[in-house]
Amino acid sequence: MRQRLLAAEYSKNGKRPPGRPRSEEARQAILRSTLKILETRGFSDFKIEEVAARAAVGKATVYRWWPNKGALIADAFASSATPKLRFPDTGSLYSDMSRQMRQLVEIFRSRRGRIVSAILAAGQGDEDLIKAFRERFLWPRRREAYATLRRGILRGELRKDLDLDLLLDSLYGPIYMRFLIRHDRLTPHFVDRLCRLVLGGVRPPRKSRSTSSERRPRTPARRRPRPS
C-alpha cells in the first residue's frame, strides 16, 4: 500500500518521493549525473563525491557498481551511446557499416564527443580509464562489428581470408584521427567515401567469364576434295 501511495505522489508532482530509491533507479541517476558533470566541466574536475550528491545516493552506492571513476565514466558514455551504435542487418555490408559509422560520427560531433576526447586524452596516463573504455565501450562494439563482417563474408561481399581486426582498424582509424587531430572535417560524406575505399578493396575477385568460343568445342575444318 505504501509503495502505491509513493508512486502516486511521484506521478503527481514529478519528483522522486523521499526514501531509498530502487537499485536500478539509483544506478541510472548516477550515470546521468556523471554525463552532466563531464559535459559541463570535463574530466579534470570530475569527483565521485559530486556524482553521489547529484544522484542523491551515498558514495558507497557508487563504488558498489564501479571500482573507480574510470569505469564509471566509461559506463556512463557507453550507456548513452550504445543504443545509437547498433549495427543494422540490411542485407548489404556497405549499408550496415556506413550507417553505424555515420552514427558514431554524429556522436563524436555532439556534446558527448567532448567526453570521448577527454577519456582518450586522460587515458594516456591513466591505465584504469583507458582499460575501462576498451572493455566497456570499444570491445562490445567490436564484437558486433565482427558479426556484421562475417555476414558479409557469407554473402560473398568480402574475401574469406581477411584479417577482421585490420579491416576494422582501417575503417574506424581515420574517423578517430579526424576526431582527435581535427585536420579535416568529420562528415557523413567522408564516411561514405571511406567505406567505398576500404570495402571496395577487400571484395572477392570476380571470376573471369570465358568467351563462347572457349566454351564450345572446336570442330575440325572440312577439307575440300583435291581436284583430280
Protein backbone atom coordinates (compact mmCIF):
# COMPACT_ATOMS: atom_id res chain seq x y z
CA MET A 1 0.00 0.00 0.00
CA ARG A 2 2.79 2.40 0.93
CA GLN A 3 4.54 1.77 -2.39
CA ARG A 4 1.35 2.63 -4.31
CA LEU A 5 0.99 5.88 -2.37
CA LEU A 6 4.60 6.81 -3.08
CA ALA A 7 4.15 6.01 -6.77
CA ALA A 8 1.03 8.20 -6.87
CA GLU A 9 2.94 11.05 -5.26
CA TYR A 10 5.73 10.68 -7.84
CA SER A 11 3.32 10.76 -10.78
CA LYS A 12 1.53 13.77 -9.32
CA ASN A 13 4.46 16.15 -8.76
CA GLY A 14 7.16 14.59 -10.96
CA LYS A 15 9.61 14.30 -8.08
CA ARG A 16 11.02 11.19 -6.50
CA PRO A 17 9.46 10.66 -3.06
CA PRO A 18 11.75 10.58 -0.01
CA GLY A 19 13.33 7.29 0.89
CA ARG A 20 15.90 4.95 -0.64
CA PRO A 21 15.41 4.55 -4.42
CA ARG A 22 15.44 1.17 -6.09
CA SER A 23 18.85 -0.06 -7.21
CA GLU A 24 18.23 0.47 -10.94
CA GLU A 25 16.85 3.95 -10.33
CA ALA A 26 19.96 4.82 -8.35
CA ARG A 27 22.26 3.35 -11.00
CA GLN A 28 20.61 5.36 -13.78
CA ALA A 29 20.71 8.52 -11.66
CA ILE A 30 24.44 8.03 -11.15
CA LEU A 31 25.05 7.56 -14.88
CA ARG A 32 23.02 10.68 -15.76
CA SER A 33 24.84 12.74 -13.15
CA THR A 34 28.18 11.55 -14.49
CA LEU A 35 27.32 12.63 -18.02
CA LYS A 36 26.13 16.07 -16.89
CA ILE A 37 29.33 16.74 -14.97
CA LEU A 38 31.53 15.60 -17.87
CA GLU A 39 29.60 17.67 -20.41
CA THR A 40 29.83 20.85 -18.38
CA ARG A 41 33.26 20.67 -16.74
CA GLY A 42 35.18 17.84 -18.32
CA PHE A 43 37.35 15.15 -16.80
CA SER A 44 39.87 17.08 -14.71
CA ASP A 45 37.31 18.31 -12.14
CA PHE A 46 35.37 15.05 -12.00
CA LYS A 47 34.77 13.78 -8.46
CA ILE A 48 32.82 10.76 -7.24
CA GLU A 49 31.53 12.80 -4.29
CA GLU A 50 29.78 15.25 -6.62
CA VAL A 51 28.26 12.43 -8.65
CA ALA A 52 26.84 10.88 -5.48
CA ALA A 53 25.45 14.22 -4.30
CA ARG A 54 23.78 14.96 -7.66
CA ALA A 55 22.28 11.47 -7.83
CA ALA A 56 21.10 11.67 -4.19
CA VAL A 57 22.93 8.49 -3.22
CA GLY A 58 25.78 7.68 -0.88
CA LYS A 59 29.36 7.46 -2.12
CA ALA A 60 29.39 3.79 -1.15
CA THR A 61 26.50 3.19 -3.55
CA VAL A 62 28.60 4.44 -6.46
CA TYR A 63 31.51 2.17 -5.54
CA ARG A 64 29.12 -0.76 -5.23
CA TRP A 65 28.86 -0.85 -9.06
CA TRP A 66 32.08 0.85 -10.22
CA PRO A 67 35.54 0.19 -8.75
CA ASN A 68 36.95 3.55 -9.88
CA LYS A 69 35.95 6.70 -11.71
CA GLY A 70 37.39 5.40 -14.98
CA ALA A 71 34.91 2.52 -15.02
CA LEU A 72 32.07 4.88 -14.11
CA ILE A 73 32.94 7.37 -16.87
CA ALA A 74 33.29 4.62 -19.49
CA ASP A 75 29.97 3.07 -18.47
CA ALA A 76 28.19 6.42 -18.48
CA PHE A 77 29.35 7.18 -22.01
CA ALA A 78 28.62 3.64 -23.23
CA SER A 79 25.10 3.66 -21.78
CA SER A 80 24.30 6.91 -23.59
CA ALA A 81 25.86 5.94 -26.93
CA THR A 82 25.18 2.21 -27.30
CA PRO A 83 21.52 2.42 -28.41
CA LYS A 84 22.58 4.53 -31.42
CA LEU A 85 25.55 2.37 -32.33
CA ARG A 86 23.84 -0.93 -33.02
CA PHE A 87 24.76 -2.48 -36.35
CA PRO A 88 21.75 -2.94 -38.64
CA ASP A 89 21.26 -6.00 -40.82
CA THR A 90 20.03 -4.64 -44.15
CA GLY A 91 21.44 -7.40 -46.33
CA SER A 92 24.21 -5.11 -47.57
CA LEU A 93 27.58 -4.88 -45.83
CA TYR A 94 28.25 -1.39 -47.17
CA SER A 95 24.90 -0.14 -45.88
CA ASP A 96 25.35 -1.81 -42.46
CA MET A 97 28.83 -0.40 -41.91
CA SER A 98 28.22 3.08 -43.29
CA ARG A 99 25.05 3.58 -41.22
CA GLN A 100 26.77 2.58 -37.99
CA MET A 101 29.84 4.68 -38.76
CA ARG A 102 27.63 7.69 -39.55
CA GLN A 103 26.05 7.32 -36.11
CA LEU A 104 29.48 7.23 -34.48
CA VAL A 105 30.45 10.43 -36.29
CA GLU A 106 27.21 12.06 -35.16
CA ILE A 107 28.04 11.22 -31.54
CA PHE A 108 31.60 12.49 -31.88
CA ARG A 109 30.28 15.78 -33.24
CA SER A 110 27.80 16.18 -30.38
CA ARG A 111 28.47 17.25 -26.77
CA ARG A 112 29.26 13.64 -25.95
CA GLY A 113 32.27 13.92 -28.22
CA ARG A 114 33.92 16.03 -25.53
CA ILE A 115 33.62 13.07 -23.18
CA VAL A 116 35.36 10.74 -25.64
CA SER A 117 38.22 13.16 -26.28
CA ALA A 118 38.65 13.63 -22.52
CA ILE A 119 38.71 9.87 -21.96
CA LEU A 120 41.26 9.27 -24.71
CA ALA A 121 43.47 12.15 -23.57
CA ALA A 122 43.40 11.28 -19.86
CA GLY A 123 43.66 7.59 -20.67
CA GLN A 124 47.21 8.02 -21.96
CA GLY A 125 48.33 8.42 -18.37
CA ASP A 126 45.54 6.54 -16.62
CA GLU A 127 45.61 2.81 -17.34
CA ASP A 128 42.37 2.15 -15.43
CA LEU A 129 40.49 4.68 -17.54
CA ILE A 130 41.66 3.51 -20.97
CA LYS A 131 41.18 -0.14 -19.94
CA ALA A 132 37.61 0.60 -18.86
CA PHE A 133 36.94 2.40 -22.15
CA ARG A 134 38.20 -0.60 -24.10
CA GLU A 135 36.29 -3.17 -22.08
CA ARG A 136 33.02 -1.32 -21.58
CA PHE A 137 32.68 0.56 -24.88
CA LEU A 138 35.15 -0.50 -27.58
CA TRP A 139 35.07 -4.29 -27.34
CA PRO A 140 31.27 -4.70 -27.21
CA ARG A 141 31.02 -2.62 -30.42
CA ARG A 142 33.90 -4.60 -31.90
CA ARG A 143 32.16 -7.91 -31.31
CA GLU A 144 29.05 -6.63 -33.08
CA ALA A 145 31.24 -5.48 -35.96
CA TYR A 146 32.81 -8.96 -36.26
CA ALA A 147 29.33 -10.46 -36.66
CA THR A 148 28.46 -7.88 -39.33
CA LEU A 149 31.63 -8.60 -41.31
CA ARG A 150 31.10 -12.36 -41.08
CA ARG A 151 27.63 -11.92 -42.55
CA GLY A 152 29.27 -10.06 -45.42
CA ILE A 153 31.69 -12.95 -45.95
CA LEU A 154 28.84 -15.46 -46.03
CA ARG A 155 27.02 -13.31 -48.61
CA GLY A 156 30.13 -13.21 -50.78
CA GLU A 157 30.75 -9.47 -50.25
CA LEU A 158 34.17 -9.96 -48.62
CA ARG A 159 37.09 -12.29 -49.13
CA LYS A 160 37.24 -15.23 -46.75
CA ASP A 161 40.92 -14.78 -45.84
CA LEU A 162 40.55 -11.30 -44.32
CA ASP A 163 42.13 -10.10 -41.09
CA LEU A 164 38.96 -8.66 -39.49
CA ASP A 165 40.87 -6.61 -36.91
CA LEU A 166 42.97 -4.95 -39.59
CA LEU A 167 39.85 -4.25 -41.64
CA LEU A 168 38.07 -2.63 -38.69
CA ASP A 169 41.13 -0.54 -37.84
CA SER A 170 41.24 0.60 -41.47
CA LEU A 171 37.58 1.64 -41.31
CA TYR A 172 37.50 3.34 -37.91
CA GLY A 173 41.08 4.58 -37.60
CA PRO A 174 40.53 7.54 -39.99
CA ILE A 175 37.43 8.56 -38.01
CA TYR A 176 39.35 8.69 -34.72
CA MET A 177 42.21 10.52 -36.46
CA ARG A 178 39.96 13.28 -37.79
CA PHE A 179 38.17 13.43 -34.46
CA LEU A 180 41.36 13.88 -32.43
CA ILE A 181 43.73 15.67 -34.81
CA ARG A 182 41.00 17.80 -36.44
CA HIS A 183 42.97 18.18 -39.65
CA ASP A 184 39.77 17.79 -41.66
CA ARG A 185 36.03 17.60 -41.12
CA LEU A 186 34.04 14.60 -39.94
CA THR A 187 31.03 14.38 -42.22
CA PRO A 188 28.62 11.71 -43.50
CA HIS A 189 30.13 12.20 -46.96
CA PHE A 190 33.56 11.35 -45.53
CA VAL A 191 32.14 8.13 -44.05
CA ASP A 192 30.61 7.10 -47.38
CA ARG A 193 33.87 7.67 -49.26
CA LEU A 194 35.83 5.84 -46.57
CA CYS A 195 33.53 2.81 -46.74
CA ARG A 196 33.71 2.65 -50.52
CA LEU A 197 37.50 2.89 -50.47
CA VAL A 198 38.16 0.28 -47.76
CA LEU A 199 35.39 -2.21 -48.50
CA GLY A 200 35.93 -1.91 -52.23
CA GLY A 201 39.47 -3.17 -51.78
CA VAL A 202 38.53 -6.39 -49.98
CA ARG A 203 35.90 -7.78 -52.28
CA PRO A 204 36.34 -11.31 -53.62
CA PRO A 205 37.95 -11.41 -57.06
CA ARG A 206 35.46 -11.69 -59.89
CA LYS A 207 35.55 -14.92 -61.82
CA SER A 208 36.54 -14.26 -65.40
CA ARG A 209 33.89 -15.23 -67.85
CA SER A 210 35.06 -17.46 -70.66
CA THR A 211 34.05 -16.48 -74.16
CA SER A 212 31.59 -18.54 -76.13
CA SER A 213 34.37 -19.71 -78.44
CA GLU A 214 36.32 -21.02 -75.44
CA ARG A 215 33.33 -22.85 -74.02
CA ARG A 216 32.36 -24.56 -77.26
CA PRO A 217 34.49 -27.43 -78.55
CA ARG A 218 36.06 -26.58 -81.85
CA THR A 219 35.03 -28.71 -84.82
CA PRO A 220 37.77 -29.55 -87.28
CA ALA A 221 37.56 -27.65 -90.57
CA ARG A 222 36.27 -29.63 -93.50
CA ARG A 223 38.84 -30.35 -96.14
CA ARG A 224 37.89 -29.68 -99.70
CA PRO A 225 38.47 -32.59 -102.04
CA ARG A 226 41.54 -32.13 -104.23
CA PRO A 227 40.84 -31.78 -107.93
CA SER A 228 41.70 -34.93 -109.84
